[in-house]
Protein backbone atom coordinates (compact mmCIF):
# COMPACT_ATOMS: atom_id res chain seq x y z
CA MET A 1 -34.20 -26.91 -1.07
CA THR A 2 -36.06 -28.09 2.02
CA ARG A 3 -37.21 -31.69 2.22
CA ALA A 4 -39.40 -33.44 4.76
CA THR A 5 -41.20 -36.70 5.38
CA ARG A 6 -44.81 -37.08 4.32
CA SER A 7 -47.49 -35.49 6.48
CA CYS A 8 -51.27 -35.54 6.73
CA GLU A 9 -51.50 -32.45 4.54
CA HIS A 10 -49.13 -33.96 1.98
CA TRP A 11 -51.25 -37.05 1.55
CA MET A 12 -54.50 -35.11 1.32
CA ALA A 13 -52.99 -32.88 -1.33
CA LEU A 14 -51.78 -35.87 -3.29
CA ALA A 15 -55.19 -37.52 -3.10
CA VAL A 16 -56.91 -34.86 -5.20
CA ILE A 17 -55.15 -35.71 -8.40
CA THR A 18 -57.41 -36.93 -11.21
CA ALA A 19 -54.65 -37.95 -13.53
CA ALA A 20 -53.61 -41.16 -15.21
CA CYS A 21 -50.48 -42.76 -16.49
CA SER A 22 -49.88 -46.20 -15.87
CA GLY A 23 -49.10 -51.22 -17.37
CA VAL A 24 -48.90 -54.78 -17.23
CA ASP A 25 -46.47 -57.35 -18.49
CA ASP A 26 -47.36 -59.66 -21.30
CA ASP A 27 -46.77 -63.18 -19.99
CA ALA A 28 -48.04 -65.23 -17.04
CA PRO A 29 -50.41 -63.77 -14.41
CA ALA A 30 -48.61 -60.98 -12.61
CA PHE A 31 -51.19 -60.25 -9.94
CA ARG A 32 -52.12 -62.96 -7.47
CA SER A 33 -55.65 -62.47 -6.21
CA THR A 34 -56.42 -64.13 -2.88
CA SER A 35 -60.05 -63.04 -2.74
CA THR A 36 -62.78 -61.75 -5.02
CA ALA A 37 -63.13 -58.37 -3.54
CA GLY A 38 -42.62 -32.46 -29.75
CA SER A 39 -44.76 -29.36 -29.89
CA ALA A 40 -47.14 -29.02 -27.06
CA THR A 41 -50.80 -29.82 -27.52
CA THR A 42 -53.69 -28.93 -25.24
CA THR A 43 -56.62 -31.32 -24.93
CA HIS A 44 -59.51 -32.34 -22.76
CA ALA A 45 -57.95 -35.73 -22.26
CA ALA A 46 -61.09 -37.65 -21.43
CA ASN A 47 -62.43 -36.97 -24.92
CA ALA A 48 -59.46 -38.66 -26.56
CA PRO A 49 -60.50 -41.73 -28.57
CA SER A 50 -59.50 -45.18 -27.41
CA ASP A 51 -60.01 -48.64 -28.86
CA ARG A 52 -58.56 -50.56 -25.94
CA TYR A 53 -61.61 -51.24 -23.80
CA GLU A 54 -64.52 -53.39 -24.85
CA PRO A 55 -67.22 -52.77 -23.88
CA GLY A 56 -67.53 -49.45 -22.11
CA SER A 57 -64.23 -47.56 -22.27
CA SER A 58 -65.59 -44.40 -20.63
CA SER A 59 -67.14 -44.21 -17.20
CA GLU A 60 -69.35 -41.37 -18.42
CA ASP A 61 -71.29 -43.63 -20.79
CA GLU A 62 -73.58 -46.43 -19.74
CA VAL A 63 -72.62 -49.69 -21.40
CA ALA A 64 -75.05 -51.15 -23.90
CA ASP A 65 -75.07 -54.57 -22.25
CA PRO A 66 -74.03 -54.54 -18.57
CA GLU A 67 -74.41 -58.32 -18.27
CA ALA A 68 -72.02 -58.88 -21.17
CA ALA A 69 -69.59 -56.40 -19.66
CA LEU A 70 -69.66 -58.23 -16.33
CA ALA A 71 -69.23 -61.59 -18.06
CA ALA A 72 -66.09 -60.25 -19.79
CA ILE A 73 -64.45 -59.61 -16.41
CA PRO A 74 -62.84 -62.77 -14.97
CA ASN A 75 -64.58 -64.21 -11.90
CA GLU A 76 -61.57 -63.61 -9.68
CA MET A 77 -61.68 -59.87 -10.47
CA ARG A 78 -65.40 -59.37 -9.80
CA PRO A 79 -66.62 -57.84 -6.54
CA THR A 80 -68.76 -59.78 -4.11
CA GLN A 81 -71.32 -56.97 -4.34
CA LEU A 82 -71.85 -54.67 -7.33
CA LEU A 83 -74.13 -51.64 -7.22
CA PRO A 84 -76.48 -51.39 -10.22
CA ALA A 85 -75.31 -47.80 -10.84
CA LEU A 86 -71.71 -48.98 -11.23
CA LYS A 87 -72.71 -52.04 -13.24
CA ARG A 88 -74.21 -49.71 -15.83
CA ARG A 89 -70.77 -48.04 -16.19
CA LEU A 90 -68.55 -51.11 -16.02
CA LEU A 91 -65.09 -50.86 -17.50
CA VAL A 92 -63.60 -54.03 -18.93
CA PRO A 93 -59.81 -54.48 -18.91
CA ASN A 94 -57.81 -56.03 -21.72
CA VAL A 95 -57.37 -59.36 -19.98
CA GLY A 96 -55.64 -60.74 -23.07
CA LYS A 97 -52.70 -58.50 -22.21
CA HIS A 98 -53.20 -59.02 -18.47
CA GLY A 99 -55.04 -55.81 -17.70
CA ALA A 100 -56.86 -55.99 -14.36
CA ALA A 101 -60.15 -54.76 -12.89
CA MET A 102 -60.36 -53.78 -9.21
CA PHE A 103 -63.41 -52.75 -7.20
CA THR A 104 -64.00 -51.06 -3.87
CA ASP A 105 -66.44 -52.50 -1.39
CA VAL A 106 -69.83 -50.79 -1.25
CA VAL A 107 -69.65 -47.96 1.29
CA THR A 108 -72.35 -45.83 2.91
CA VAL A 109 -71.91 -42.05 2.76
CA GLU A 110 -74.08 -40.27 5.29
CA PRO A 111 -76.01 -37.03 4.51
CA GLY A 112 -73.64 -34.07 4.29
CA GLN A 113 -70.61 -36.32 4.71
CA ASP A 114 -67.30 -35.58 2.99
CA VAL A 115 -65.28 -38.78 3.45
CA THR A 116 -62.35 -40.68 1.98
CA PHE A 117 -61.94 -44.47 2.11
CA CYS A 118 -59.03 -46.70 1.18
CA THR A 119 -59.70 -50.13 -0.32
CA TYR A 120 -56.72 -52.47 0.04
CA VAL A 121 -57.09 -54.86 -2.88
CA PRO A 122 -56.55 -58.56 -2.07
CA GLY A 123 -53.35 -60.11 -3.42
CA VAL A 124 -49.91 -58.87 -4.39
CA THR A 125 -47.97 -58.59 -7.63
CA ASP A 126 -45.59 -61.48 -8.29
CA ARG A 127 -43.32 -59.49 -10.62
CA THR A 128 -42.81 -55.97 -11.93
CA LEU A 129 -45.85 -54.66 -13.78
CA TYR A 130 -45.74 -51.93 -16.41
CA ILE A 131 -48.97 -49.94 -16.53
CA HIS A 132 -49.53 -47.49 -19.36
CA ASP A 133 -52.84 -46.05 -18.20
CA THR A 134 -55.72 -46.44 -15.79
CA GLN A 135 -59.44 -45.93 -16.19
CA GLY A 136 -62.01 -45.53 -13.46
CA ALA A 137 -65.69 -45.16 -12.66
CA GLN A 138 -67.62 -44.02 -9.60
CA THR A 139 -71.27 -43.93 -8.68
CA SER A 140 -73.06 -40.70 -7.80
CA SER A 141 -71.39 -38.22 -5.38
CA GLY A 142 -67.87 -39.39 -6.19
CA HIS A 143 -65.15 -36.75 -6.08
CA HIS A 144 -62.26 -38.98 -7.11
CA ALA A 145 -60.93 -42.51 -7.16
CA ILE A 146 -57.16 -42.97 -7.32
CA LEU A 147 -55.22 -46.17 -7.86
CA HIS A 148 -51.85 -46.40 -6.19
CA TYR A 149 -49.71 -49.12 -4.68
CA THR A 150 -47.68 -49.92 -1.60
CA THR A 151 -44.73 -52.25 -1.17
CA SER A 152 -45.82 -52.93 2.44
CA PRO A 153 -49.11 -54.85 2.05
CA SER A 154 -51.90 -54.58 4.63
CA ALA A 155 -54.96 -56.68 5.37
CA PRO A 156 -57.37 -56.45 2.42
CA GLY A 157 -60.62 -54.56 2.84
CA THR A 158 -62.10 -51.07 2.88
CA ARG A 159 -61.69 -48.66 5.77
CA LEU A 160 -61.58 -44.94 6.45
CA CYS A 161 -58.43 -43.53 4.90
CA ASP A 162 -56.68 -41.85 7.80
CA PRO A 163 -54.16 -39.51 6.15
CA GLU A 164 -51.96 -39.57 9.25
CA SER A 165 -51.54 -43.36 9.29
CA PRO A 166 -48.19 -44.72 8.02
CA GLU A 167 -49.91 -47.08 5.59
CA ALA A 168 -51.82 -44.23 3.93
CA GLN A 169 -48.67 -42.20 3.40
CA GLN A 170 -46.73 -44.65 1.29
CA GLY A 171 -46.97 -45.82 -2.28
CA GLN A 172 -46.99 -44.31 -5.74
CA ILE A 173 -49.87 -42.87 -7.72
CA LEU A 174 -50.75 -44.79 -10.87
CA GLY A 175 -53.78 -42.81 -12.01
CA GLY A 176 -57.37 -41.99 -11.26
CA THR A 177 -60.75 -40.72 -12.21
CA GLY A 178 -62.66 -37.64 -11.10
CA GLY A 179 -66.22 -38.10 -9.94
CA GLU A 180 -68.51 -39.84 -12.41
CA GLY A 181 -66.22 -38.87 -15.26
CA ASN A 182 -62.90 -40.11 -16.49
CA GLY A 183 -59.90 -37.84 -16.00
CA ALA A 184 -57.23 -39.82 -17.77
CA ILE A 185 -54.19 -38.10 -19.24
CA LYS A 186 -53.11 -39.54 -22.59
CA VAL A 187 -49.37 -40.08 -22.95
CA PRO A 188 -47.35 -41.92 -25.61
CA GLY A 189 -47.99 -45.67 -25.73
CA ASN A 190 -44.54 -46.66 -24.45
CA VAL A 191 -44.74 -44.43 -21.35
CA VAL A 192 -45.60 -46.52 -18.29
CA SER A 193 -45.56 -46.69 -14.52
CA ALA A 194 -43.59 -49.53 -12.93
CA VAL A 195 -45.12 -51.49 -10.04
CA PRO A 196 -42.55 -53.64 -8.19
CA ALA A 197 -43.08 -57.30 -7.36
CA GLY A 198 -44.70 -57.81 -3.96
CA SER A 199 -46.87 -54.67 -4.24
CA GLN A 200 -50.47 -54.29 -3.15
CA PHE A 201 -52.89 -52.05 -5.01
CA ILE A 202 -54.91 -49.48 -3.06
CA ILE A 203 -57.94 -47.52 -4.28
CA ASN A 204 -58.33 -44.17 -2.54
CA HIS A 205 -61.96 -43.06 -3.07
CA HIS A 206 -63.48 -39.75 -1.98
CA TRP A 207 -67.22 -39.07 -1.68
CA ILE A 208 -69.27 -35.95 -0.94
CA ASN A 209 -72.96 -36.53 -0.19
CA THR A 210 -74.81 -33.23 -0.58
CA THR A 211 -78.23 -34.86 -0.21
CA ASP A 212 -80.41 -35.40 2.86
CA GLU A 213 -80.33 -39.19 2.56
CA PRO A 214 -77.64 -41.84 3.13
CA MET A 215 -76.09 -42.99 -0.13
CA GLN A 216 -74.43 -46.23 -1.15
CA ALA A 217 -71.31 -45.76 -3.26
CA GLN A 218 -68.76 -47.85 -5.13
CA ALA A 219 -65.82 -47.36 -7.50
CA GLU A 220 -63.94 -49.42 -10.09
CA MET A 221 -60.41 -49.01 -11.46
CA ILE A 222 -58.81 -50.90 -14.34
CA THR A 223 -55.20 -51.08 -15.46
CA VAL A 224 -54.26 -50.72 -19.10
CA PRO A 225 -51.16 -52.50 -20.46
CA PRO A 226 -48.85 -50.87 -22.99
CA ASP A 227 -49.42 -51.81 -26.62
CA ASN A 228 -46.05 -53.56 -26.56
CA GLU A 229 -43.00 -53.69 -24.32
CA ASP A 230 -40.48 -52.18 -26.71
CA ASN A 231 -38.52 -49.17 -25.41
CA LEU A 232 -40.63 -48.58 -22.33
CA ILE A 233 -40.19 -45.23 -20.54
CA ILE A 234 -41.02 -45.00 -16.81
CA ALA A 235 -43.12 -41.99 -15.74
CA ARG A 236 -43.60 -40.57 -12.24
CA ALA A 237 -46.00 -38.02 -10.78
CA LEU A 238 -44.90 -34.46 -9.98
CA VAL A 239 -47.10 -32.33 -7.71
CA VAL A 240 -46.73 -28.67 -6.72
CA THR A 241 -49.48 -27.55 -4.35
CA SER A 242 -50.43 -25.27 -1.47
CA ILE A 243 -52.50 -25.86 1.64
CA ASN A 244 -51.86 -22.49 3.31
CA PHE A 245 -54.57 -20.29 1.85
CA ALA A 246 -57.91 -18.89 2.97
CA ILE A 247 -60.83 -17.67 0.87
CA PRO A 248 -63.16 -15.43 2.92
CA ALA A 249 -66.91 -15.62 2.38
CA ASN A 250 -68.24 -13.74 -0.64
CA GLN A 251 -64.80 -12.73 -1.88
CA THR A 252 -62.50 -13.43 -4.82
CA VAL A 253 -58.95 -14.43 -3.94
CA GLU A 254 -55.70 -15.11 -5.80
CA HIS A 255 -52.95 -17.27 -4.31
CA SER A 256 -49.57 -18.51 -5.59
CA VAL A 257 -47.15 -21.26 -4.58
CA THR A 258 -43.59 -21.69 -5.90
CA CYS A 259 -41.36 -24.75 -5.76
CA MET A 260 -37.77 -24.81 -7.01
CA PHE A 261 -35.96 -27.85 -8.42
CA ASP A 262 -32.53 -29.10 -7.38
CA ARG A 263 -32.35 -31.37 -10.44
CA ASP A 264 -33.35 -31.32 -14.08
CA VAL A 265 -37.02 -32.16 -14.69
CA THR A 266 -38.51 -33.57 -17.89
CA LEU A 267 -42.31 -33.38 -18.28
CA LEU A 268 -44.66 -34.98 -20.79
CA SER A 269 -48.01 -33.70 -19.52
CA MET A 270 -49.31 -31.20 -16.96
CA PHE A 271 -52.47 -29.47 -15.79
CA GLY A 272 -53.94 -27.36 -13.00
CA HIS A 273 -56.51 -28.58 -10.48
CA GLN A 274 -59.04 -26.69 -8.36
CA HIS A 275 -62.48 -27.41 -6.95
CA SER A 276 -65.91 -25.90 -7.49
CA TRP A 277 -65.01 -22.27 -6.68
CA GLY A 278 -61.92 -22.17 -8.90
CA THR A 279 -62.04 -19.63 -11.73
CA HIS A 280 -58.49 -19.46 -13.15
CA VAL A 281 -55.19 -21.35 -13.14
CA GLU A 282 -51.77 -20.23 -14.31
CA ALA A 283 -48.45 -22.09 -14.21
CA GLU A 284 -45.18 -20.25 -14.79
CA ARG A 285 -41.61 -21.33 -15.23
CA VAL A 286 -39.44 -19.30 -12.87
CA GLY A 287 -35.68 -18.87 -12.92
CA SER A 288 -33.26 -18.15 -15.74
CA GLN A 289 -35.85 -18.60 -18.55
CA PRO A 290 -39.19 -17.40 -17.17
CA GLU A 291 -42.28 -18.11 -19.24
CA VAL A 292 -45.95 -19.00 -18.92
CA ILE A 293 -46.56 -22.76 -19.13
CA PHE A 294 -50.36 -22.59 -19.18
CA ASP A 295 -52.88 -19.86 -18.35
CA HIS A 296 -56.64 -20.37 -18.67
CA ASP A 297 -60.00 -19.90 -17.01
CA TYR A 298 -61.27 -22.79 -14.90
CA ASP A 299 -64.72 -24.28 -14.43
CA GLU A 300 -66.21 -27.31 -12.68
CA THR A 301 -65.98 -29.55 -15.75
CA MET A 302 -62.19 -29.42 -15.45
CA ILE A 303 -62.25 -31.08 -12.04
CA SER A 304 -62.80 -34.44 -13.71
CA HIS A 305 -61.71 -33.50 -17.24
CA PRO A 306 -58.50 -31.51 -16.87
CA LEU A 307 -57.32 -29.26 -19.66
CA THR A 308 -53.88 -30.75 -20.17
CA LYS A 309 -50.75 -29.45 -21.86
CA ASP A 310 -48.99 -32.37 -23.49
CA PHE A 311 -45.56 -32.93 -25.04
CA SER A 312 -43.91 -35.74 -26.95
CA VAL A 313 -41.09 -37.95 -25.70
CA GLU A 314 -38.95 -36.57 -28.52
CA ALA A 315 -39.61 -32.95 -27.52
CA PRO A 316 -40.60 -32.88 -23.81
CA TYR A 317 -40.91 -29.84 -21.59
CA GLN A 318 -37.64 -29.46 -19.71
CA LEU A 319 -36.72 -27.44 -16.62
CA SER A 320 -33.19 -27.19 -15.27
CA ALA A 321 -31.90 -27.44 -11.73
CA GLY A 322 -32.29 -24.00 -10.14
CA GLU A 323 -35.54 -23.32 -11.99
CA GLY A 324 -39.02 -23.88 -10.62
CA VAL A 325 -42.77 -23.76 -11.11
CA ARG A 326 -45.10 -21.09 -9.74
CA MET A 327 -48.76 -22.11 -9.62
CA THR A 328 -51.34 -19.32 -9.27
CA CYS A 329 -55.02 -19.96 -8.58
CA GLN A 330 -58.03 -17.69 -8.44
CA TRP A 331 -61.31 -18.45 -6.69
CA ASN A 332 -64.72 -16.84 -6.37
CA ASN A 333 -66.27 -17.80 -3.05
CA ASN A 334 -69.93 -16.98 -3.53
CA THR A 335 -70.95 -18.65 -0.26
CA ASP A 336 -71.44 -17.27 3.24
CA ALA A 337 -68.68 -19.46 4.68
CA ALA A 338 -64.90 -19.24 4.38
CA LEU A 339 -63.14 -21.84 2.24
CA SER A 340 -59.74 -23.43 2.74
CA PHE A 341 -57.86 -26.64 1.95
CA PRO A 342 -59.08 -29.31 1.26
CA ARG A 343 -62.52 -27.92 0.33
CA GLU A 344 -60.67 -25.88 -2.28
CA MET A 345 -57.30 -26.66 -3.81
CA CYS A 346 -54.51 -25.24 -5.93
CA VAL A 347 -52.47 -27.98 -7.61
CA PHE A 348 -49.99 -28.22 -10.46
CA PHE A 349 -49.74 -31.84 -11.62
CA GLY A 350 -47.36 -33.30 -14.17
CA TRP A 351 -46.06 -36.62 -15.46
CA GLN A 352 -42.27 -36.66 -15.50
CA ILE A 353 -39.77 -39.07 -17.00
CA GLY A 354 -36.23 -39.74 -15.84
CA ALA A 355 -37.17 -39.60 -12.13
CA SER A 356 -36.78 -42.50 -9.69
CA ALA A 357 -39.91 -41.70 -7.65
CA ASP A 358 -42.90 -39.38 -7.41
CA SER A 359 -42.09 -35.77 -6.48
CA GLN A 360 -44.39 -33.74 -4.22
CA CYS A 361 -43.86 -30.15 -3.07
CA VAL A 362 -46.24 -28.51 -0.57
CA ASP A 363 -45.85 -24.76 0.01
CA GLY A 364 -42.23 -24.79 -1.09
CA THR A 365 -41.17 -27.93 0.81
CA TRP A 366 -40.38 -31.16 -1.03
CA PHE A 367 -41.54 -34.44 0.54
CA LYS A 368 -39.96 -37.83 0.08
């Protein structure tokens, strides 16, 4: 199996994920802020009920009382500037269990611009955090917001996210949201992501302004602690994707990518991801026990609300060393221009347990 260091294309592929799995410890403050900046089931995860966030647990719904929602967020977590459109969708973390709210700065997206920013959140963690889930909200024209972390902190602030820069190529995904919706995957309550002490959170936020006017934009992410800290299981992201495809104007195209594993893999949740011209996704297990993992039509609602295939900790989906995943995508390009990565994408995403780090494979090559 070929391995390589992370590249520009690797990071851009990773940045499309609209997943979530992520926690926070239960005693003293763990994040030091220095500034105020079984059998498988298939679900649309964002529709899953939750009683953890009060008020406003879904970024799709406007909160009944935005002022009360803002008042429930500690002063040190509030942004210096808050757009009214985001205030109406505020998410409130469970501060009693040390959940945290983080905001991007307000950015300007020019007409026709397709741009990604990285907001380096002020402060670092002072101990290991265990994050069960994340939730997020974006204002209009948001494609995604992703929360991840780095163990090599940088100066806080928001800047263009250069995928070739060393700082943009490190860190682990914790979760995210797609556009103005909430794309969280629901996993068992004791499944968490671990954030080491000394880490800095980063919000990667992508915007596409299809209007003729400049647009102000802003995103929020919150962390969700586990219900309790008994028998915690660490989860990591697994990505299989392709960047080497072309979709000619006014044509339908099918493309596949296969990645083989050199170790056993244990998955709790998985889904396929495309963009606006995607029409079908299929994931197959390849190797000694070939089978279809999922196979369904695709539409734009699934960009931010993925149709997930979920398994229990007691009966996860397991692949053995020597087996692999083949991801097949179909698109219908009904425009007069050719499409390619990253305007369109073909991604298999999963949450795995028993791994020591995220796993990303691009066109058959694994990156570390």
